[in-house]
């Protein structure tokens, strides 16, 4: 049996993988490979190997070889696979292209032993005319997972809560959807934590999320810096006062805003080098959706403006430690004077 799990929703694909692993009697006959690293011949040999002391062999391949620069533009060249007909110009020509890897694997799937279960997980959506998609349509099963958005995301949160035996209010759903977005792994972790807090059969409320979800609080503070970046002082003051009313410590708020402004400065510098959101997130160790929001924000500032604001925040922090000004008043003044 061949299962093709593909789509940008890596979290759901891996949940399907976990479920499929539990379906058969594989014993010690389980092999895992990185598609970007495994040699196609090694993979085919494993596919052809009969299981030992059990009825089935499980092979999990995660990912595919990276596409070469000219591969998408010249698909005909990939059909030669490893024959080397176009390989005289480069010493690396013998290395298989992604197209040849997909073609050889698809051909072997058609005749692989019934005792072999092959699962391929690809963290991108494959085209309908892809050789592996066609092989799965004919000899296996396709499970495509797309990231939910809008109403679909709220439905996902509701179903996820139900699956772990808790309820969740509409306001709580909106908070999670708006501030965490469709980072499903992070959403699942937050829901698990909240479910532990309210107990089996309990109801997760917006207040629970404000108290327990650091991710949501961080995102709310990010909205504050977003309003500041847009020079929308009224909106920034409203968000600030809401956060303070929810019990967020003023000095912690100032520290978080300072950290986020420093992050914006780093994002700005990386963006000017042509680096995109996923790589920025990985480089700085921040959530992908934070990296994307930061990229949108930094367009409102020059590097010199970000540096100026960052130093202003540091100055405010130092001034609070040696003055009688209350932190709440200092934050209000900071917001009002921000960017002026």
Protein backbone atom coordinates (compact mmCIF):
# COMPACT_ATOMS: atom_id res chain seq x y z
CA UNK A 1 0.00 0.00 0.00
CA UNK A 2 1.25 3.48 -0.85
CA UNK A 3 0.12 6.57 1.06
CA UNK A 4 0.96 10.05 -0.19
CA UNK A 5 0.60 12.70 2.50
CA UNK A 6 1.17 16.14 1.01
CA UNK A 7 0.22 19.77 1.51
CA UNK A 8 1.45 22.78 3.47
CA UNK A 9 -0.30 21.61 6.67
CA UNK A 10 2.62 19.63 8.08
CA UNK A 11 0.98 19.19 11.49
CA UNK A 12 -2.09 17.36 10.15
CA UNK A 13 0.05 15.28 7.78
CA UNK A 14 2.15 14.09 10.71
CA UNK A 15 -0.98 13.26 12.69
CA UNK A 16 -2.13 11.11 9.76
CA UNK A 17 1.32 9.50 9.73
CA UNK A 18 1.08 8.70 13.44
CA UNK A 19 -2.33 7.10 12.87
CA UNK A 20 -1.08 5.03 9.92
CA UNK A 21 1.88 3.75 11.93
CA UNK A 22 -0.59 2.20 14.37
CA UNK A 23 -2.63 0.39 11.72
CA UNK A 24 -0.31 -2.49 10.81
CA UNK A 25 1.76 -5.23 12.42
CA UNK A 26 5.22 -4.04 11.43
CA UNK A 27 7.24 -5.23 14.40
CA UNK A 28 10.89 -4.36 13.83
CA UNK A 29 10.36 -3.94 10.09
CA UNK A 30 10.18 -0.16 10.10
CA UNK A 31 12.50 2.10 8.14
CA UNK A 32 12.56 5.90 7.95
CA UNK A 33 14.38 7.98 5.35
CA UNK A 34 14.84 11.62 4.46
CA UNK A 35 13.81 12.01 0.83
CA UNK A 36 16.40 14.76 0.41
CA UNK A 37 19.23 12.41 1.41
CA UNK A 38 18.34 8.81 0.60
CA UNK A 39 19.66 7.25 -2.58
CA UNK A 40 16.82 5.98 -4.78
CA UNK A 41 18.54 2.59 -5.20
CA UNK A 42 18.75 2.15 -1.41
CA UNK A 43 15.08 3.03 -1.10
CA UNK A 44 14.05 0.57 -3.82
CA UNK A 45 16.08 -2.22 -2.19
CA UNK A 46 14.28 -1.56 1.10
CA UNK A 47 10.90 -1.57 -0.69
CA UNK A 48 11.72 -4.99 -2.16
CA UNK A 49 12.91 -6.48 1.15
CA UNK A 50 10.42 -8.91 2.66
CA UNK A 51 9.52 -8.44 6.35
CA UNK A 52 11.09 -10.60 9.06
CA UNK A 53 8.94 -12.14 11.80
CA UNK A 54 5.90 -10.07 10.85
CA UNK A 55 3.55 -9.77 7.91
CA UNK A 56 4.31 -6.19 6.86
CA UNK A 57 7.19 -3.78 6.35
CA UNK A 58 6.70 -0.04 6.92
CA UNK A 59 8.80 2.52 5.07
CA UNK A 60 8.38 6.23 5.82
CA UNK A 61 9.99 8.78 3.53
CA UNK A 62 9.88 12.41 4.61
CA UNK A 63 10.40 15.02 1.92
CA UNK A 64 11.82 14.87 -1.60
CA UNK A 65 15.12 15.90 -3.17
CA UNK A 66 15.44 19.64 -3.66
CA UNK A 67 14.64 20.91 -7.11
CA UNK A 68 17.65 22.09 -9.06
CA UNK A 69 17.60 25.61 -10.43
CA UNK A 70 16.86 24.65 -14.01
CA UNK A 71 14.75 21.60 -13.27
CA UNK A 72 11.33 23.30 -13.29
CA UNK A 73 12.20 25.23 -16.43
CA UNK A 74 13.42 22.17 -18.35
CA UNK A 75 11.22 19.23 -17.34
CA UNK A 76 12.24 17.21 -20.37
CA UNK A 77 15.76 16.90 -19.02
CA UNK A 78 14.52 15.16 -15.89
CA UNK A 79 12.95 12.34 -17.85
CA UNK A 80 16.39 10.94 -18.55
CA UNK A 81 16.78 10.19 -14.83
CA UNK A 82 20.20 8.72 -14.14
CA UNK A 83 21.01 7.78 -17.77
CA UNK A 84 23.52 10.60 -18.02
CA UNK A 85 22.63 11.69 -21.56
CA UNK A 86 22.88 15.34 -20.56
CA UNK A 87 25.62 14.91 -18.03
CA UNK A 88 28.76 15.81 -19.89
CA UNK A 89 28.83 19.44 -18.84
CA UNK A 90 29.04 18.91 -15.08
CA UNK A 91 30.72 16.51 -12.68
CA UNK A 92 27.48 16.54 -10.65
CA UNK A 93 25.33 15.38 -13.56
CA UNK A 94 25.17 11.83 -12.18
CA UNK A 95 23.29 13.10 -9.11
CA UNK A 96 19.56 12.33 -9.49
CA UNK A 97 17.20 15.19 -10.09
CA UNK A 98 13.97 15.46 -8.15
CA UNK A 99 12.09 14.56 -11.30
CA UNK A 100 14.07 11.37 -11.86
CA UNK A 101 13.69 10.41 -8.17
CA UNK A 102 9.91 10.84 -8.38
CA UNK A 103 9.76 8.94 -11.70
CA UNK A 104 11.80 5.94 -10.49
CA UNK A 105 9.92 5.73 -7.20
CA UNK A 106 6.54 5.95 -8.95
CA UNK A 107 7.52 3.14 -11.33
CA UNK A 108 8.58 0.91 -8.43
CA UNK A 109 5.37 1.59 -6.50
CA UNK A 110 3.42 -0.06 -9.31
CA UNK A 111 5.09 -3.43 -8.64
CA UNK A 112 6.19 -3.31 -5.00
CA UNK A 113 5.45 -6.33 -2.77
CA UNK A 114 2.04 -6.49 -1.07
CA UNK A 115 3.84 -6.82 2.26
CA UNK A 116 5.32 -3.31 1.91
CA UNK A 117 3.54 -0.21 3.19
CA UNK A 118 5.20 2.94 1.87
CA UNK A 119 4.29 6.36 3.28
CA UNK A 120 5.63 9.50 1.65
CA UNK A 121 5.16 12.78 3.54
CA UNK A 122 5.81 15.96 1.56
CA UNK A 123 5.39 19.39 3.19
CA UNK A 124 4.10 21.04 0.03
CA UNK A 125 1.19 20.55 -2.32
CA UNK A 126 2.16 18.45 -5.34
CA UNK A 127 0.71 19.10 -8.80
CA UNK A 128 -2.00 16.79 -10.11
CA UNK A 129 0.29 15.64 -12.94
CA UNK A 130 3.12 14.71 -10.57
CA UNK A 131 4.27 11.11 -11.09
CA UNK A 132 3.83 10.27 -7.41
CA UNK A 133 0.33 11.75 -7.31
CA UNK A 134 -0.64 9.60 -10.29
CA UNK A 135 0.92 6.53 -8.66
CA UNK A 136 -1.04 7.16 -5.46
CA UNK A 137 -4.27 7.60 -7.42
CA UNK A 138 -3.76 4.24 -9.09
CA UNK A 139 -2.05 2.12 -6.43
CA UNK A 140 -2.64 3.82 -3.10
CA UNK A 141 -4.25 6.70 -1.30
CA UNK A 142 -3.75 10.47 -1.29
CA UNK A 143 -4.24 12.56 1.85
CA UNK A 144 -3.77 16.25 1.14
CA UNK A 145 -3.75 18.66 4.08
CA UNK A 146 -4.24 22.40 3.60
CA UNK A 147 -3.94 25.04 6.29
CA UNK A 148 -7.41 26.21 7.42
CA UNK A 149 -8.27 29.90 7.25
CA UNK A 150 -11.14 32.07 8.46
CA UNK A 151 -14.22 30.07 9.42
CA UNK A 152 -12.41 26.80 8.66
CA UNK A 153 -9.76 27.66 11.25
CA UNK A 154 -12.40 28.35 13.90
CA UNK A 155 -14.08 25.03 13.04
CA UNK A 156 -10.70 23.30 13.43
CA UNK A 157 -10.26 24.81 16.91
CA UNK A 158 -13.76 23.70 17.92
CA UNK A 159 -13.20 20.13 16.70
CA UNK A 160 -9.77 19.96 18.31
CA UNK A 161 -11.21 21.04 21.65
CA UNK A 162 -13.95 18.40 21.34
CA UNK A 163 -11.38 15.72 20.55
CA UNK A 164 -9.66 16.35 23.89
CA UNK A 165 -12.96 16.36 25.83
CA UNK A 166 -13.40 20.07 26.49
CA UNK A 167 -15.66 22.85 25.24
CA UNK A 168 -14.56 26.31 24.16
CA UNK A 169 -16.47 29.58 23.99
CA UNK A 170 -16.84 31.61 20.82
CA UNK A 171 -14.79 34.48 22.24
CA UNK A 172 -11.99 32.08 23.18
CA UNK A 173 -12.03 30.60 19.67
CA UNK A 174 -11.70 34.10 18.18
CA UNK A 175 -8.79 34.93 20.48
CA UNK A 176 -6.85 31.84 19.47
CA UNK A 177 -7.66 32.24 15.77
CA UNK A 178 -6.76 35.94 15.68
CA UNK A 179 -3.61 35.86 17.75
CA UNK A 180 -2.07 32.47 16.93
CA UNK A 181 -3.46 32.00 13.42
CA UNK A 182 -3.16 28.70 11.59
CA UNK A 183 0.00 27.53 13.29
CA UNK A 184 -1.78 24.27 14.10
CA UNK A 185 1.00 22.73 16.16
CA UNK A 186 1.09 25.78 18.42
CA UNK A 187 -2.72 25.85 18.60
CA UNK A 188 -2.83 22.18 19.57
CA UNK A 189 -0.23 22.74 22.30
CA UNK A 190 -2.16 25.70 23.69
CA UNK A 191 -5.44 23.76 23.67
CA UNK A 192 -3.81 20.80 25.45
CA UNK A 193 -2.50 23.14 28.15
CA UNK A 194 -5.86 24.87 28.53
CA UNK A 195 -7.69 21.53 28.63
CA UNK A 196 -5.47 20.40 31.49
CA UNK A 197 -6.35 23.61 33.35
CA UNK A 198 -10.16 23.40 32.94
CA UNK A 199 -10.31 19.64 33.31
CA UNK A 200 -12.17 16.99 31.33
CA UNK A 201 -15.61 18.25 30.30
CA UNK A 202 -14.72 21.82 31.25
CA UNK A 203 -15.07 24.95 29.13
CA UNK A 204 -12.16 27.06 27.93
CA UNK A 205 -12.97 30.77 28.18
CA UNK A 206 -11.30 33.91 26.85
CA UNK A 207 -10.22 34.72 30.41
CA UNK A 208 -8.46 31.35 30.69
CA UNK A 209 -6.56 32.13 27.49
CA UNK A 210 -5.54 35.61 28.65
CA UNK A 211 -4.22 34.14 31.90
CA UNK A 212 -2.49 31.03 30.59
CA UNK A 213 -1.55 31.52 26.95
CA UNK A 214 1.80 33.27 26.70
CA UNK A 215 1.53 33.06 22.91
CA UNK A 216 -1.73 35.01 22.87
CA UNK A 217 -0.40 37.62 25.29
CA UNK A 218 2.72 38.02 23.20
CA UNK A 219 0.57 38.44 20.09
CA UNK A 220 -1.59 41.06 21.84
CA UNK A 221 1.54 42.97 22.78
CA UNK A 222 2.62 42.59 19.16
CA UNK A 223 -0.63 44.31 18.16
CA UNK A 224 0.41 47.16 20.46
CA UNK A 225 3.73 47.55 18.65
CA UNK A 226 1.83 47.20 15.37
CA UNK A 227 -0.36 50.18 16.31
CA UNK A 228 2.75 52.11 17.32
CA UNK A 229 4.39 51.29 14.01
CA UNK A 230 1.34 52.74 12.24
CA UNK A 231 1.56 55.86 14.46
CA UNK A 232 -2.00 55.05 15.63
CA UNK A 233 -1.55 56.38 19.16
CA UNK A 234 -5.23 56.05 20.11
CA UNK A 235 -5.37 52.37 19.19
CA UNK A 236 -2.05 51.77 20.93
CA UNK A 237 -3.31 53.40 24.14
CA UNK A 238 -6.50 51.29 24.06
CA UNK A 239 -4.51 48.06 23.67
CA UNK A 240 -2.07 49.17 26.37
CA UNK A 241 -4.87 49.88 28.85
CA UNK A 242 -6.57 46.54 28.02
CA UNK A 243 -3.33 44.69 28.73
CA UNK A 244 -2.83 46.55 31.99
CA UNK A 245 -6.46 45.84 32.98
CA UNK A 246 -5.83 42.13 32.34
CA UNK A 247 -3.05 42.29 34.93
CA UNK A 248 -0.04 42.45 32.63
CA UNK A 249 2.83 43.92 34.70
CA UNK A 250 3.89 47.33 33.29
CA UNK A 251 7.61 46.63 33.51
CA UNK A 252 7.12 43.30 31.76
CA UNK A 253 5.17 45.09 29.02
CA UNK A 254 7.99 47.57 28.55
CA UNK A 255 10.52 44.73 28.40
CA UNK A 256 8.45 42.83 25.84
CA UNK A 257 7.92 45.91 23.66
CA UNK A 258 11.66 46.57 23.79
CA UNK A 259 12.40 42.98 22.78
CA UNK A 260 9.94 43.16 19.90
CA UNK A 261 11.38 46.45 18.64
CA UNK A 262 14.83 44.86 18.69
CA UNK A 263 13.37 41.94 16.74
CA UNK A 264 11.92 44.39 14.19
CA UNK A 265 15.34 45.95 13.77
CA UNK A 266 16.90 42.53 13.09
CA UNK A 267 14.06 41.61 10.71
CA UNK A 268 14.58 44.88 8.82
CA UNK A 269 18.27 44.16 8.39
CA UNK A 270 17.64 40.59 7.19
CA UNK A 271 14.84 41.69 4.84
CA UNK A 272 17.19 44.22 3.23
CA UNK A 273 19.47 41.29 2.41
CA UNK A 274 16.62 39.60 0.53
CA UNK A 275 15.93 36.94 3.18
CA UNK A 276 12.30 35.75 3.31
CA UNK A 277 9.97 35.15 6.24
CA UNK A 278 10.60 31.38 6.81
CA UNK A 279 14.37 31.89 6.90
CA UNK A 280 13.99 34.98 9.11
CA UNK A 281 11.86 32.98 11.55
CA UNK A 282 14.47 30.22 11.66
CA UNK A 283 17.40 32.63 12.02
CA UNK A 284 15.85 34.68 14.84
CA UNK A 285 14.05 31.79 16.55
CA UNK A 286 10.60 33.38 16.27
CA UNK A 287 7.25 31.98 15.17
CA UNK A 288 6.64 32.12 11.38
CA UNK A 289 3.52 34.26 11.76
CA UNK A 290 5.51 36.73 13.91
CA UNK A 291 8.15 36.91 11.18
CA UNK A 292 5.47 37.63 8.57
CA UNK A 293 3.85 40.33 10.71
CA UNK A 294 7.26 41.85 11.39
CA UNK A 295 8.00 42.02 7.68
CA UNK A 296 4.79 43.96 7.17
CA UNK A 297 5.62 46.27 10.06
CA UNK A 298 9.19 47.14 9.14
CA UNK A 299 7.99 48.84 5.97
CA UNK A 300 6.79 51.65 8.23
CA UNK A 301 10.29 52.35 9.52
CA UNK A 302 13.78 53.02 8.26
CA UNK A 303 16.67 51.31 10.04
CA UNK A 304 17.64 54.63 11.67
CA UNK A 305 14.06 55.11 12.98
CA UNK A 306 14.00 51.62 14.48
CA UNK A 307 17.37 52.22 16.12
CA UNK A 308 16.09 55.52 17.53
CA UNK A 309 12.90 53.95 18.94
CA UNK A 310 14.86 51.04 20.41
CA UNK A 311 17.24 53.40 22.23
CA UNK A 312 14.24 55.46 23.41
CA UNK A 313 12.76 52.33 24.99
CA UNK A 314 16.05 51.53 26.71
CA UNK A 315 16.21 55.10 28.00
CA UNK A 316 12.65 54.84 29.36
CA UNK A 317 13.51 51.59 31.13
CA UNK A 318 16.58 53.18 32.73
CA UNK A 319 14.63 56.32 33.73
CA UNK A 320 11.96 54.24 35.50
CA UNK A 321 14.57 52.74 37.76
CA UNK A 322 15.69 56.12 39.07
CA UNK A 323 12.53 58.27 39.04
CA UNK A 324 9.25 58.52 40.90
CA UNK A 325 7.25 58.27 37.69
CA UNK A 326 4.86 55.31 37.81
CA UNK A 327 5.39 52.60 35.16
CA UNK A 328 1.80 53.08 33.93
CA UNK A 329 2.36 56.80 33.36
CA UNK A 330 5.72 56.17 31.72
CA UNK A 331 4.10 53.75 29.27
CA UNK A 332 1.35 56.25 28.46
CA UNK A 333 3.92 58.97 27.76
CA UNK A 334 5.97 56.56 25.67
CA UNK A 335 2.96 55.69 23.52
CA UNK A 336 1.89 59.31 23.08
CA UNK A 337 5.39 60.45 22.13
CA UNK A 338 6.26 57.35 20.09
CA UNK A 339 7.89 58.08 16.74
CA UNK A 340 7.73 61.86 17.16
